[in-house]
């Protein structure tokens, strides 16, 4: 039961890290938009940065989905362990 609880907290931590990574990639996208209007803009570099941010965002979304599935799995495992737990011991 303790191992499942620790795994559940690790899954929640992974969810939070992935959510933070998504926010950071969106922040980087907005930063690129803000800097695009200043002076001469190198559109190729802007495109490269946009592609990098999209890749980071897609990775973060995948990691969030994986962490959510992991959390769901650990919660189900905890529920099964709780059924077989002997409270009289």
Protein backbone atom coordinates (compact mmCIF):
# COMPACT_ATOMS: atom_id res chain seq x y z
CA UNK A 1 0.00 0.00 0.00
CA UNK A 2 2.84 2.39 0.85
CA UNK A 3 4.61 1.66 -2.43
CA UNK A 4 1.40 2.40 -4.37
CA UNK A 5 0.96 5.65 -2.49
CA UNK A 6 4.51 6.72 -3.28
CA UNK A 7 3.97 5.80 -6.95
CA UNK A 8 0.76 7.84 -6.97
CA UNK A 9 2.57 10.89 -5.61
CA UNK A 10 5.31 10.43 -8.20
CA UNK A 11 2.65 10.31 -10.93
CA UNK A 12 1.08 13.51 -9.59
CA UNK A 13 4.54 15.11 -9.55
CA UNK A 14 5.09 14.06 -13.18
CA UNK A 15 1.71 15.57 -14.09
CA UNK A 16 2.67 18.87 -12.49
CA UNK A 17 6.09 18.93 -14.19
CA UNK A 18 4.47 18.25 -17.59
CA UNK A 19 1.88 20.97 -16.99
CA UNK A 20 4.65 23.40 -16.08
CA UNK A 21 6.55 22.46 -19.24
CA UNK A 22 3.42 23.19 -21.29
CA UNK A 23 3.11 26.60 -19.67
CA UNK A 24 6.77 27.34 -20.33
CA UNK A 25 6.49 26.41 -24.01
CA UNK A 26 3.43 28.64 -24.39
CA UNK A 27 5.30 31.45 -22.62
CA UNK A 28 8.19 31.01 -25.06
CA UNK A 29 5.76 31.19 -27.98
CA UNK A 30 4.33 34.44 -26.66
CA UNK A 31 7.83 35.81 -26.11
CA UNK A 32 8.62 35.10 -29.76
CA UNK A 33 5.51 36.96 -30.82
CA UNK A 34 6.41 39.95 -28.64
CA UNK A 35 9.91 40.19 -30.05
CA UNK A 36 8.82 39.76 -33.68
CA UNK A 37 7.80 43.39 -34.09
CA UNK A 38 11.05 44.94 -32.84
CA UNK A 39 13.19 46.23 -35.73
CA UNK A 40 14.17 43.83 -38.46
CA UNK A 41 12.79 40.35 -37.88
CA UNK A 42 14.58 37.21 -38.97
CA UNK A 43 11.60 35.12 -39.99
CA UNK A 44 13.67 31.98 -40.49
CA UNK A 45 14.94 32.13 -36.89
CA UNK A 46 11.41 32.89 -35.71
CA UNK A 47 10.15 29.85 -37.62
CA UNK A 48 12.87 27.64 -36.12
CA UNK A 49 12.03 28.82 -32.62
CA UNK A 50 8.33 28.24 -33.27
CA UNK A 51 9.04 24.69 -34.43
CA UNK A 52 11.15 24.08 -31.30
CA UNK A 53 8.35 25.40 -29.08
CA UNK A 54 5.77 23.23 -30.85
CA UNK A 55 7.96 20.17 -30.33
CA UNK A 56 8.43 21.01 -26.64
CA UNK A 57 4.68 21.49 -26.25
CA UNK A 58 3.86 18.19 -27.96
CA UNK A 59 6.36 16.37 -25.72
CA UNK A 60 4.90 18.01 -22.61
CA UNK A 61 1.36 17.06 -23.65
CA UNK A 62 2.45 13.45 -24.20
CA UNK A 63 4.19 13.38 -20.82
CA UNK A 64 1.05 14.77 -19.17
CA UNK A 65 -1.10 12.07 -20.75
CA UNK A 66 1.37 9.37 -19.69
CA UNK A 67 1.47 10.71 -16.13
CA UNK A 68 -2.33 10.85 -16.03
CA UNK A 69 -2.54 7.21 -17.13
CA UNK A 70 0.10 6.28 -14.54
CA UNK A 71 -1.86 8.07 -11.82
CA UNK A 72 -5.07 6.32 -12.85
CA UNK A 73 -3.28 2.96 -12.78
CA UNK A 74 -1.83 3.54 -9.31
CA UNK A 75 -5.21 4.65 -7.95
CA UNK A 76 -6.82 1.46 -9.26
CA UNK A 77 -3.99 -0.59 -7.76
CA UNK A 78 -4.45 1.14 -4.39
CA UNK A 79 -8.18 0.42 -4.50
CA UNK A 80 -7.51 -3.29 -5.14
CA UNK A 81 -4.95 -3.39 -2.34
CA UNK A 82 -7.38 -1.72 0.04
CA UNK A 83 -9.95 -4.45 -0.63
CA UNK A 84 -7.53 -7.20 0.34
CA UNK A 85 -6.07 -5.37 3.33
CA UNK A 86 -6.66 -7.06 6.66
CA UNK A 87 -7.54 -4.31 9.14
CA UNK A 88 -7.51 -6.70 12.11
CA UNK A 89 -3.77 -7.40 11.85
